[in-house]
Amino acid sequence: MIQPSIEIRSATSDEVPRAVSAIVAAFLTDPPARFAWPSPHDYLLAMPVATGAFAGSSFQHGSAYVSVDFCGAALWLPPGVEPNGQALEKVFRDTAKPEHMDDLLATFEKMEQSHPREAHWYLPQIGVEPNAQGKGIGAALMRHALARCDQEQSLAYLEASKPQNIPFYQHHGFEVIGEIQVGSAPAVTPMLRKPRRPGT
């Protein structure tokens, strides 16, 4: 049975809360996020703020992509645009579990250092809320952005925060380029995708 095509578009500035809500729902069992905020109350309070610091500038650049039902979102940062590291660190210091702080901050520092030196698109966050997973929304979100990367012949980079997500990224052309593991923090896996030539 052929699934109907899933419409993907850029979120507008007044749709930020709906897009961020999809990310917050999708990351409910994300290991690094729950390492920072083991308490569900703390997670639900802090994660929207952290998402804004980590990937919020995607909305200003028109590269915060959503499914039209807002069940999925992919927040991409264009070449030359980086997460707001100072704001993200402040969120962690204000809200994260204190005994996890050093390992958490060191993990994000190593993530920053792992970015390719060449110009690249960066995907800080992609997610589909649990009730809508398995319907092709994540794949549609990924194809939408990677088509632009291929058109521009640009590298794409991300960090997989769950080992079980690595095959999904590999299916879309990403390759593992290392592993980041600090103290008791969960491992994250940097992955890089080279642009594909038209017709390949």
N, C-alpha and C. Protein backbone atom coordinates (compact mmCIF):
# COMPACT_ATOMS: atom_id res chain seq x y z
N MET A 1 0.85 -1.20 0.00
CA MET A 1 0.00 0.00 0.00
C MET A 1 0.89 1.24 0.00
N ILE A 2 0.62 2.14 -0.92
CA ILE A 2 1.40 3.37 -1.04
C ILE A 2 0.85 4.41 -0.06
N GLN A 3 1.75 4.92 0.77
CA GLN A 3 1.31 5.95 1.72
C GLN A 3 1.15 7.29 1.01
N PRO A 4 0.17 8.09 1.41
CA PRO A 4 0.05 9.41 0.81
C PRO A 4 1.26 10.26 1.13
N SER A 5 1.59 11.17 0.22
CA SER A 5 2.76 12.02 0.47
C SER A 5 2.49 12.93 1.67
N ILE A 6 3.54 13.23 2.39
CA ILE A 6 3.44 14.04 3.60
C ILE A 6 3.95 15.43 3.28
N GLU A 7 3.11 16.41 3.48
CA GLU A 7 3.49 17.78 3.16
C GLU A 7 4.38 18.35 4.26
N ILE A 8 5.50 18.92 3.83
CA ILE A 8 6.46 19.55 4.74
C ILE A 8 6.61 21.01 4.33
N ARG A 9 6.66 21.89 5.31
CA ARG A 9 6.87 23.31 5.00
C ARG A 9 7.62 23.97 6.14
N SER A 10 8.04 25.21 5.92
CA SER A 10 8.73 25.98 6.95
C SER A 10 7.70 26.55 7.93
N ALA A 11 8.03 26.48 9.21
CA ALA A 11 7.15 27.06 10.23
C ALA A 11 7.30 28.58 10.22
N THR A 12 6.20 29.26 10.46
CA THR A 12 6.24 30.71 10.57
C THR A 12 6.57 31.11 12.02
N SER A 13 6.85 32.38 12.23
CA SER A 13 7.26 32.83 13.56
C SER A 13 6.17 32.62 14.61
N ASP A 14 4.90 32.72 14.20
CA ASP A 14 3.83 32.52 15.19
C ASP A 14 3.52 31.04 15.42
N GLU A 15 4.20 30.16 14.70
CA GLU A 15 4.01 28.72 14.88
C GLU A 15 5.13 28.08 15.70
N VAL A 16 6.03 28.90 16.22
CA VAL A 16 7.15 28.38 17.01
C VAL A 16 6.67 27.47 18.14
N PRO A 17 5.68 27.88 18.95
CA PRO A 17 5.28 27.00 20.06
C PRO A 17 4.80 25.62 19.60
N ARG A 18 4.10 25.57 18.46
CA ARG A 18 3.60 24.28 17.98
C ARG A 18 4.74 23.39 17.50
N ALA A 19 5.71 23.98 16.82
CA ALA A 19 6.86 23.20 16.35
C ALA A 19 7.71 22.72 17.52
N VAL A 20 7.94 23.59 18.48
CA VAL A 20 8.74 23.22 19.65
C VAL A 20 8.03 22.13 20.45
N SER A 21 6.70 22.18 20.52
CA SER A 21 5.95 21.15 21.24
C SER A 21 6.18 19.77 20.62
N ALA A 22 6.28 19.70 19.30
CA ALA A 22 6.56 18.41 18.64
C ALA A 22 7.92 17.88 19.06
N ILE A 23 8.91 18.78 19.15
CA ILE A 23 10.25 18.38 19.57
C ILE A 23 10.23 17.91 21.02
N VAL A 24 9.57 18.66 21.88
CA VAL A 24 9.52 18.30 23.31
C VAL A 24 8.88 16.93 23.48
N ALA A 25 7.80 16.66 22.75
CA ALA A 25 7.15 15.35 22.84
C ALA A 25 8.05 14.24 22.30
N ALA A 26 8.73 14.53 21.19
CA ALA A 26 9.58 13.51 20.56
C ALA A 26 10.77 13.15 21.42
N PHE A 27 11.29 14.11 22.17
CA PHE A 27 12.52 13.90 22.95
C PHE A 27 12.24 13.44 24.39
N LEU A 28 11.03 13.02 24.66
CA LEU A 28 10.66 12.64 26.02
C LEU A 28 11.54 11.52 26.57
N THR A 29 12.01 10.63 25.69
CA THR A 29 12.88 9.53 26.13
C THR A 29 14.30 9.69 25.59
N ASP A 30 14.66 10.89 25.15
CA ASP A 30 16.00 11.14 24.62
C ASP A 30 17.03 11.05 25.75
N PRO A 31 18.07 10.21 25.62
CA PRO A 31 19.01 10.02 26.73
C PRO A 31 19.71 11.29 27.22
N PRO A 32 20.30 12.13 26.35
CA PRO A 32 20.94 13.34 26.88
C PRO A 32 19.95 14.30 27.55
N ALA A 33 18.77 14.44 26.96
CA ALA A 33 17.77 15.35 27.55
C ALA A 33 17.35 14.88 28.93
N ARG A 34 17.13 13.57 29.09
CA ARG A 34 16.68 13.07 30.39
C ARG A 34 17.84 12.93 31.37
N PHE A 35 19.08 12.90 30.86
CA PHE A 35 20.24 13.00 31.74
C PHE A 35 20.28 14.39 32.37
N ALA A 36 19.96 15.40 31.56
CA ALA A 36 19.91 16.78 32.07
C ALA A 36 18.75 16.96 33.04
N TRP A 37 17.58 16.42 32.67
CA TRP A 37 16.36 16.64 33.46
C TRP A 37 15.67 15.30 33.73
N PRO A 38 16.13 14.52 34.70
CA PRO A 38 15.48 13.23 35.00
C PRO A 38 14.04 13.39 35.46
N SER A 39 13.74 14.47 36.13
CA SER A 39 12.37 14.72 36.59
C SER A 39 11.50 15.14 35.40
N PRO A 40 10.33 14.50 35.21
CA PRO A 40 9.46 14.91 34.09
C PRO A 40 9.01 16.36 34.21
N HIS A 41 8.80 16.81 35.42
CA HIS A 41 8.40 18.22 35.62
C HIS A 41 9.50 19.15 35.14
N ASP A 42 10.73 18.88 35.55
CA ASP A 42 11.86 19.72 35.13
C ASP A 42 12.05 19.66 33.62
N TYR A 43 11.91 18.46 33.06
CA TYR A 43 12.07 18.30 31.61
C TYR A 43 11.05 19.15 30.85
N LEU A 44 9.79 19.05 31.23
CA LEU A 44 8.75 19.77 30.50
C LEU A 44 8.87 21.28 30.65
N LEU A 45 9.43 21.74 31.75
CA LEU A 45 9.66 23.17 31.92
C LEU A 45 10.87 23.66 31.12
N ALA A 46 11.95 22.87 31.16
CA ALA A 46 13.22 23.34 30.60
C ALA A 46 13.41 23.06 29.13
N MET A 47 12.87 21.95 28.64
CA MET A 47 13.16 21.54 27.26
C MET A 47 12.73 22.56 26.21
N PRO A 48 11.56 23.21 26.34
CA PRO A 48 11.22 24.23 25.34
C PRO A 48 12.22 25.39 25.33
N VAL A 49 12.72 25.77 26.49
CA VAL A 49 13.69 26.87 26.57
C VAL A 49 15.02 26.43 25.96
N ALA A 50 15.43 25.20 26.28
CA ALA A 50 16.67 24.68 25.72
C ALA A 50 16.59 24.55 24.20
N THR A 51 15.44 24.14 23.70
CA THR A 51 15.25 24.03 22.25
C THR A 51 15.41 25.39 21.59
N GLY A 52 14.87 26.43 22.22
CA GLY A 52 15.02 27.77 21.68
C GLY A 52 16.47 28.20 21.60
N ALA A 53 17.26 27.87 22.61
CA ALA A 53 18.68 28.24 22.60
C ALA A 53 19.46 27.40 21.60
N PHE A 54 19.11 26.13 21.52
CA PHE A 54 19.87 25.19 20.70
C PHE A 54 19.57 25.36 19.21
N ALA A 55 18.30 25.55 18.88
CA ALA A 55 17.91 25.52 17.47
C ALA A 55 16.93 26.62 17.09
N GLY A 56 16.67 27.55 18.00
CA GLY A 56 15.64 28.56 17.76
C GLY A 56 15.89 29.45 16.56
N SER A 57 17.15 29.68 16.21
CA SER A 57 17.40 30.57 15.08
C SER A 57 16.99 29.95 13.75
N SER A 58 16.66 28.66 13.75
CA SER A 58 16.16 28.04 12.52
C SER A 58 14.86 28.72 12.06
N PHE A 59 14.08 29.22 13.00
CA PHE A 59 12.82 29.87 12.63
C PHE A 59 13.08 31.17 11.89
N GLN A 60 14.09 31.92 12.30
CA GLN A 60 14.39 33.18 11.62
C GLN A 60 14.93 32.95 10.21
N HIS A 61 15.52 31.78 9.98
CA HIS A 61 16.13 31.49 8.67
C HIS A 61 15.23 30.67 7.77
N GLY A 62 14.01 30.42 8.20
CA GLY A 62 13.08 29.66 7.37
C GLY A 62 13.44 28.19 7.23
N SER A 63 14.27 27.69 8.14
CA SER A 63 14.73 26.30 8.04
C SER A 63 14.26 25.46 9.23
N ALA A 64 13.16 25.89 9.85
CA ALA A 64 12.46 25.07 10.83
C ALA A 64 11.31 24.40 10.09
N TYR A 65 11.51 23.15 9.73
CA TYR A 65 10.54 22.45 8.89
C TYR A 65 9.57 21.63 9.75
N VAL A 66 8.31 21.64 9.36
CA VAL A 66 7.28 20.92 10.11
C VAL A 66 6.38 20.17 9.15
N SER A 67 5.78 19.09 9.65
CA SER A 67 4.67 18.48 8.93
C SER A 67 3.45 19.37 9.17
N VAL A 68 2.52 19.35 8.24
CA VAL A 68 1.41 20.30 8.33
C VAL A 68 0.54 20.06 9.56
N ASP A 69 0.57 18.85 10.12
CA ASP A 69 -0.21 18.58 11.33
C ASP A 69 0.59 18.87 12.61
N PHE A 70 1.83 19.35 12.46
CA PHE A 70 2.72 19.68 13.57
C PHE A 70 3.02 18.48 14.46
N CYS A 71 2.94 17.28 13.90
CA CYS A 71 3.36 16.09 14.66
C CYS A 71 4.87 15.87 14.57
N GLY A 72 5.51 16.51 13.60
CA GLY A 72 6.95 16.35 13.46
C GLY A 72 7.61 17.67 13.10
N ALA A 73 8.87 17.80 13.49
CA ALA A 73 9.63 19.03 13.20
C ALA A 73 11.10 18.69 13.04
N ALA A 74 11.77 19.44 12.19
CA ALA A 74 13.22 19.33 12.01
C ALA A 74 13.77 20.75 11.99
N LEU A 75 14.60 21.05 12.97
CA LEU A 75 15.11 22.42 13.13
C LEU A 75 16.55 22.47 12.64
N TRP A 76 16.74 23.00 11.43
CA TRP A 76 18.05 23.05 10.78
C TRP A 76 18.66 24.44 10.90
N LEU A 77 19.97 24.49 11.08
CA LEU A 77 20.70 25.76 11.08
C LEU A 77 21.53 25.84 9.80
N PRO A 78 21.40 26.92 9.04
CA PRO A 78 22.14 27.05 7.79
C PRO A 78 23.64 27.22 8.02
N PRO A 79 24.43 27.07 6.97
CA PRO A 79 25.88 27.30 7.10
C PRO A 79 26.18 28.66 7.72
N GLY A 80 27.08 28.67 8.68
CA GLY A 80 27.47 29.90 9.35
C GLY A 80 26.62 30.27 10.54
N VAL A 81 25.52 29.56 10.78
CA VAL A 81 24.63 29.83 11.91
C VAL A 81 24.85 28.75 12.97
N GLU A 82 25.04 29.17 14.21
CA GLU A 82 25.35 28.22 15.28
C GLU A 82 24.33 28.34 16.41
N PRO A 83 24.21 27.29 17.23
CA PRO A 83 23.35 27.40 18.42
C PRO A 83 23.83 28.54 19.32
N ASN A 84 22.94 29.06 20.12
CA ASN A 84 23.30 30.09 21.09
C ASN A 84 23.90 29.41 22.31
N GLY A 85 25.21 29.19 22.26
CA GLY A 85 25.89 28.43 23.31
C GLY A 85 25.76 29.05 24.69
N GLN A 86 25.83 30.36 24.77
CA GLN A 86 25.72 31.03 26.07
C GLN A 86 24.33 30.83 26.67
N ALA A 87 23.31 30.98 25.84
CA ALA A 87 21.94 30.81 26.33
C ALA A 87 21.70 29.36 26.73
N LEU A 88 22.25 28.42 25.95
CA LEU A 88 22.06 27.01 26.27
C LEU A 88 22.75 26.65 27.58
N GLU A 89 23.96 27.16 27.77
CA GLU A 89 24.67 26.90 29.03
C GLU A 89 23.89 27.47 30.21
N LYS A 90 23.31 28.65 30.02
CA LYS A 90 22.52 29.26 31.12
C LYS A 90 21.31 28.39 31.46
N VAL A 91 20.65 27.86 30.43
CA VAL A 91 19.51 26.98 30.69
C VAL A 91 19.95 25.78 31.52
N PHE A 92 21.07 25.17 31.11
CA PHE A 92 21.56 24.01 31.85
C PHE A 92 21.90 24.38 33.30
N ARG A 93 22.61 25.48 33.48
CA ARG A 93 23.04 25.87 34.83
C ARG A 93 21.83 26.21 35.71
N ASP A 94 20.79 26.74 35.10
CA ASP A 94 19.61 27.13 35.88
C ASP A 94 18.66 25.97 36.17
N THR A 95 18.69 24.92 35.32
CA THR A 95 17.62 23.93 35.40
C THR A 95 18.08 22.48 35.49
N ALA A 96 19.27 22.16 35.00
CA ALA A 96 19.67 20.76 34.90
C ALA A 96 20.07 20.19 36.26
N LYS A 97 20.09 18.88 36.36
CA LYS A 97 20.47 18.21 37.59
C LYS A 97 21.90 18.58 37.93
N PRO A 98 22.17 19.18 39.10
CA PRO A 98 23.50 19.74 39.39
C PRO A 98 24.63 18.72 39.29
N GLU A 99 24.41 17.51 39.76
CA GLU A 99 25.52 16.53 39.74
C GLU A 99 25.83 16.04 38.32
N HIS A 100 24.98 16.35 37.36
CA HIS A 100 25.24 15.99 35.96
C HIS A 100 25.83 17.15 35.16
N MET A 101 25.96 18.31 35.79
CA MET A 101 26.29 19.53 35.07
C MET A 101 27.62 19.46 34.32
N ASP A 102 28.68 19.04 34.99
CA ASP A 102 30.00 19.04 34.36
C ASP A 102 30.04 18.14 33.14
N ASP A 103 29.50 16.93 33.27
CA ASP A 103 29.50 16.00 32.14
C ASP A 103 28.62 16.50 31.00
N LEU A 104 27.52 17.13 31.35
CA LEU A 104 26.60 17.66 30.34
C LEU A 104 27.25 18.79 29.55
N LEU A 105 27.84 19.74 30.25
CA LEU A 105 28.48 20.87 29.57
C LEU A 105 29.67 20.41 28.74
N ALA A 106 30.44 19.45 29.26
CA ALA A 106 31.59 18.94 28.50
C ALA A 106 31.12 18.21 27.24
N THR A 107 30.00 17.51 27.33
CA THR A 107 29.46 16.84 26.15
C THR A 107 29.11 17.84 25.07
N PHE A 108 28.43 18.92 25.44
CA PHE A 108 28.04 19.92 24.45
C PHE A 108 29.26 20.67 23.90
N GLU A 109 30.28 20.83 24.72
CA GLU A 109 31.51 21.45 24.22
C GLU A 109 32.17 20.56 23.16
N LYS A 110 32.20 19.26 23.42
CA LYS A 110 32.78 18.33 22.44
C LYS A 110 31.91 18.24 21.18
N MET A 111 30.61 18.35 21.33
CA MET A 111 29.73 18.39 20.16
C MET A 111 30.09 19.58 19.28
N GLU A 112 30.29 20.73 19.91
CA GLU A 112 30.66 21.93 19.15
C GLU A 112 31.98 21.73 18.42
N GLN A 113 32.92 21.07 19.07
CA GLN A 113 34.24 20.85 18.48
C GLN A 113 34.20 19.83 17.34
N SER A 114 33.17 19.00 17.31
CA SER A 114 33.09 17.94 16.31
C SER A 114 32.51 18.40 14.98
N HIS A 115 32.00 19.60 14.93
CA HIS A 115 31.44 20.09 13.67
C HIS A 115 32.52 20.14 12.59
N PRO A 116 32.15 19.84 11.35
CA PRO A 116 33.14 19.99 10.27
C PRO A 116 33.57 21.44 10.11
N ARG A 117 34.80 21.61 9.70
CA ARG A 117 35.33 22.97 9.51
C ARG A 117 34.75 23.61 8.25
N GLU A 118 34.35 22.79 7.30
CA GLU A 118 33.76 23.32 6.08
C GLU A 118 32.33 23.81 6.35
N ALA A 119 31.84 24.67 5.48
CA ALA A 119 30.46 25.14 5.59
C ALA A 119 29.51 23.95 5.55
N HIS A 120 28.50 23.97 6.41
CA HIS A 120 27.59 22.83 6.48
C HIS A 120 26.25 23.25 7.07
N TRP A 121 25.22 22.49 6.71
CA TRP A 121 23.92 22.58 7.39
C TRP A 121 23.98 21.71 8.64
N TYR A 122 23.45 22.22 9.74
CA TYR A 122 23.49 21.49 11.01
C TYR A 122 22.06 21.21 11.47
N LEU A 123 21.82 19.97 11.86
CA LEU A 123 20.51 19.55 12.36
C LEU A 123 20.59 19.30 13.86
N PRO A 124 20.32 20.34 14.70
CA PRO A 124 20.35 20.11 16.14
C PRO A 124 19.24 19.17 16.62
N GLN A 125 18.04 19.28 15.99
CA GLN A 125 16.91 18.51 16.50
C GLN A 125 15.95 18.13 15.38
N ILE A 126 15.58 16.86 15.37
CA ILE A 126 14.50 16.37 14.52
C ILE A 126 13.70 15.38 15.35
N GLY A 127 12.39 15.43 15.25
CA GLY A 127 11.60 14.51 16.04
C GLY A 127 10.15 14.46 15.59
N VAL A 128 9.53 13.33 15.90
CA VAL A 128 8.12 13.12 15.64
C VAL A 128 7.47 12.68 16.95
N GLU A 129 6.36 13.29 17.29
CA GLU A 129 5.73 12.96 18.57
C GLU A 129 5.31 11.48 18.57
N PRO A 130 5.35 10.82 19.73
CA PRO A 130 5.21 9.37 19.78
C PRO A 130 3.98 8.81 19.08
N ASN A 131 2.84 9.46 19.18
CA ASN A 131 1.62 8.92 18.56
C ASN A 131 1.66 8.92 17.04
N ALA A 132 2.59 9.66 16.45
CA ALA A 132 2.65 9.77 14.99
C ALA A 132 3.89 9.09 14.41
N GLN A 133 4.67 8.42 15.24
CA GLN A 133 5.89 7.77 14.74
C GLN A 133 5.54 6.54 13.90
N GLY A 134 6.42 6.21 12.98
CA GLY A 134 6.22 5.05 12.12
C GLY A 134 5.34 5.31 10.91
N LYS A 135 5.02 6.57 10.64
CA LYS A 135 4.14 6.91 9.52
C LYS A 135 4.88 7.62 8.39
N GLY A 136 6.21 7.71 8.51
CA GLY A 136 6.99 8.33 7.44
C GLY A 136 7.23 9.81 7.59
N ILE A 137 6.79 10.39 8.69
CA ILE A 137 6.95 11.84 8.86
C ILE A 137 8.43 12.22 8.99
N GLY A 138 9.17 11.46 9.80
CA GLY A 138 10.60 11.75 9.97
C GLY A 138 11.34 11.66 8.66
N ALA A 139 11.04 10.64 7.85
CA ALA A 139 11.71 10.50 6.56
C ALA A 139 11.36 11.66 5.63
N ALA A 140 10.09 12.08 5.65
CA ALA A 140 9.68 13.21 4.80
C ALA A 140 10.40 14.49 5.23
N LEU A 141 10.51 14.71 6.53
CA LEU A 141 11.24 15.88 7.03
C LEU A 141 12.69 15.84 6.58
N MET A 142 13.31 14.67 6.66
CA MET A 142 14.71 14.56 6.29
C MET A 142 14.90 14.77 4.79
N ARG A 143 14.06 14.15 3.98
CA ARG A 143 14.18 14.32 2.52
C ARG A 143 14.02 15.77 2.11
N HIS A 144 13.11 16.46 2.75
CA HIS A 144 12.84 17.86 2.41
C HIS A 144 14.09 18.72 2.57
N ALA A 145 14.78 18.55 3.70
CA ALA A 145 15.96 19.36 3.96
C ALA A 145 17.15 18.90 3.13
N LEU A 146 17.32 17.60 2.97
CA LEU A 146 18.48 17.10 2.24
C LEU A 146 18.41 17.42 0.76
N ALA A 147 17.21 17.58 0.23
CA ALA A 147 17.09 18.02 -1.16
C ALA A 147 17.74 19.39 -1.35
N ARG A 148 17.58 20.24 -0.34
CA ARG A 148 18.21 21.56 -0.41
C ARG A 148 19.73 21.44 -0.28
N CYS A 149 20.19 20.57 0.62
CA CYS A 149 21.63 20.36 0.76
C CYS A 149 22.23 19.88 -0.56
N ASP A 150 21.54 18.96 -1.23
CA ASP A 150 22.05 18.45 -2.50
C ASP A 150 22.02 19.53 -3.58
N GLN A 151 20.96 20.32 -3.58
CA GLN A 151 20.86 21.40 -4.56
C GLN A 151 22.00 22.40 -4.39
N GLU A 152 22.34 22.68 -3.13
CA GLU A 152 23.42 23.62 -2.84
C GLU A 152 24.79 22.94 -2.80
N GLN A 153 24.80 21.60 -2.92
CA GLN A 153 26.02 20.81 -2.78
C GLN A 153 26.72 21.12 -1.46
N SER A 154 25.94 21.07 -0.37
CA SER A 154 26.42 21.38 0.97
C SER A 154 26.48 20.13 1.84
N LEU A 155 27.45 20.11 2.75
CA LEU A 155 27.51 19.06 3.75
C LEU A 155 26.34 19.21 4.72
N ALA A 156 25.92 18.08 5.31
CA ALA A 156 24.93 18.09 6.39
C ALA A 156 25.54 17.35 7.57
N TYR A 157 25.28 17.87 8.77
CA TYR A 157 25.90 17.31 9.97
C TYR A 157 24.86 17.22 11.09
N LEU A 158 24.96 16.18 11.91
CA LEU A 158 24.10 16.03 13.08
C LEU A 158 24.81 15.18 14.11
N GLU A 159 24.22 15.14 15.30
CA GLU A 159 24.65 14.18 16.32
C GLU A 159 23.47 13.29 16.68
N ALA A 160 23.63 11.99 16.51
CA ALA A 160 22.59 11.05 16.92
C ALA A 160 22.66 10.88 18.43
N SER A 161 21.54 11.13 19.10
CA SER A 161 21.53 11.05 20.56
C SER A 161 20.98 9.71 21.06
N LYS A 162 20.53 8.86 20.14
CA LYS A 162 20.06 7.52 20.48
C LYS A 162 20.70 6.54 19.50
N PRO A 163 21.34 5.48 19.98
CA PRO A 163 21.95 4.52 19.06
C PRO A 163 20.95 3.94 18.05
N GLN A 164 19.70 3.75 18.48
CA GLN A 164 18.72 3.15 17.58
C GLN A 164 18.31 4.07 16.43
N ASN A 165 18.67 5.35 16.51
CA ASN A 165 18.36 6.27 15.40
C ASN A 165 19.44 6.28 14.32
N ILE A 166 20.60 5.71 14.61
CA ILE A 166 21.71 5.76 13.66
C ILE A 166 21.35 5.13 12.31
N PRO A 167 20.70 3.95 12.26
CA PRO A 167 20.35 3.38 10.96
C PRO A 167 19.43 4.29 10.13
N PHE A 168 18.54 5.00 10.79
CA PHE A 168 17.67 5.95 10.07
C PHE A 168 18.51 7.01 9.37
N TYR A 169 19.47 7.57 10.09
CA TYR A 169 20.33 8.59 9.49
C TYR A 169 21.21 8.00 8.40
N GLN A 170 21.71 6.79 8.61
CA GLN A 170 22.53 6.15 7.59
C GLN A 170 21.73 5.91 6.32
N HIS A 171 20.47 5.57 6.47
CA HIS A 171 19.60 5.37 5.31
C HIS A 171 19.51 6.63 4.45
N HIS A 172 19.64 7.77 5.10
CA HIS A 172 19.56 9.05 4.38
C HIS A 172 20.94 9.59 3.99
N GLY A 173 21.96 8.76 4.11
CA GLY A 173 23.27 9.11 3.58
C GLY A 173 24.28 9.61 4.58
N PHE A 174 23.92 9.65 5.87
CA PHE A 174 24.87 10.10 6.90
C PHE A 174 25.82 8.95 7.26
N GLU A 175 27.05 9.32 7.59
CA GLU A 175 28.05 8.35 8.02
C GLU A 175 28.57 8.73 9.41
N VAL A 176 28.79 7.73 10.25
CA VAL A 176 29.34 7.96 11.58
C VAL A 176 30.78 8.44 11.44
N ILE A 177 31.10 9.54 12.15
CA ILE A 177 32.47 10.06 12.09
C ILE A 177 33.14 10.09 13.46
N GLY A 178 32.49 9.53 14.48
CA GLY A 178 33.11 9.50 15.80
C GLY A 178 32.08 9.19 16.87
N GLU A 179 32.51 9.31 18.11
CA GLU A 179 31.61 9.15 19.25
C GLU A 179 32.05 10.09 20.35
N ILE A 180 31.08 10.68 21.03
CA ILE A 180 31.35 11.57 22.15
C ILE A 180 30.80 10.92 23.41
N GLN A 181 31.67 10.67 24.36
CA GLN A 181 31.27 10.06 25.62
C GLN A 181 32.05 10.73 26.74
N VAL A 182 31.35 11.42 27.64
CA VAL A 182 31.98 12.14 28.74
C VAL A 182 31.40 11.66 30.06
N GLY A 183 32.23 11.11 30.91
CA GLY A 183 31.79 10.72 32.24
C GLY A 183 30.58 9.83 32.22
N SER A 184 29.57 10.20 32.99
CA SER A 184 28.35 9.41 33.07
C SER A 184 27.28 9.86 32.08
N ALA A 185 27.60 10.85 31.23
CA ALA A 185 26.64 11.33 30.25
C ALA A 185 26.44 10.30 29.14
N PRO A 186 25.24 10.22 28.56
CA PRO A 186 25.01 9.30 27.45
C PRO A 186 25.88 9.66 26.25
N ALA A 187 26.25 8.65 25.49
CA ALA A 187 27.05 8.88 24.28
C ALA A 187 26.20 9.54 23.20
N VAL A 188 26.83 10.40 22.43
CA VAL A 188 26.22 10.93 21.22
C VAL A 188 27.17 10.65 20.05
N THR A 189 26.60 10.52 18.87
CA THR A 189 27.36 10.05 17.71
C THR A 189 27.33 11.08 16.59
N PRO A 190 28.43 11.80 16.36
CA PRO A 190 28.48 12.74 15.25
C PRO A 190 28.38 12.01 13.91
N MET A 191 27.60 12.57 13.00
CA MET A 191 27.40 11.97 11.69
C MET A 191 27.43 13.05 10.61
N LEU A 192 28.00 12.70 9.47
CA LEU A 192 28.20 13.66 8.37
C LEU A 192 27.65 13.07 7.08
N ARG A 193 27.03 13.91 6.29
CA ARG A 193 26.52 13.50 4.98
C ARG A 193 27.10 14.40 3.91
N LYS A 194 27.72 13.77 2.92
CA LYS A 194 28.20 14.51 1.77
C LYS A 194 27.06 14.69 0.78
N PRO A 195 27.03 15.81 0.08
CA PRO A 195 25.93 16.04 -0.85
C PRO A 195 25.96 15.03 -2.02
N ARG A 196 24.78 14.70 -2.49
CA ARG A 196 24.68 13.80 -3.62
C ARG A 196 24.53 14.62 -4.91
N ARG A 197 25.12 14.12 -5.95
CA ARG A 197 24.96 14.75 -7.25
C ARG A 197 23.58 14.44 -7.81
N PRO A 198 23.03 15.35 -8.61
CA PRO A 198 21.72 15.08 -9.20
C PRO A 198 21.73 13.75 -9.97
N GLY A 199 20.67 12.96 -9.72
CA GLY A 199 20.56 11.69 -10.43
C GLY A 199 21.22 10.53 -9.75
N THR A 200 21.84 10.78 -8.57
CA THR A 200 22.50 9.66 -7.87
C THR A 200 21.68 9.24 -6.67
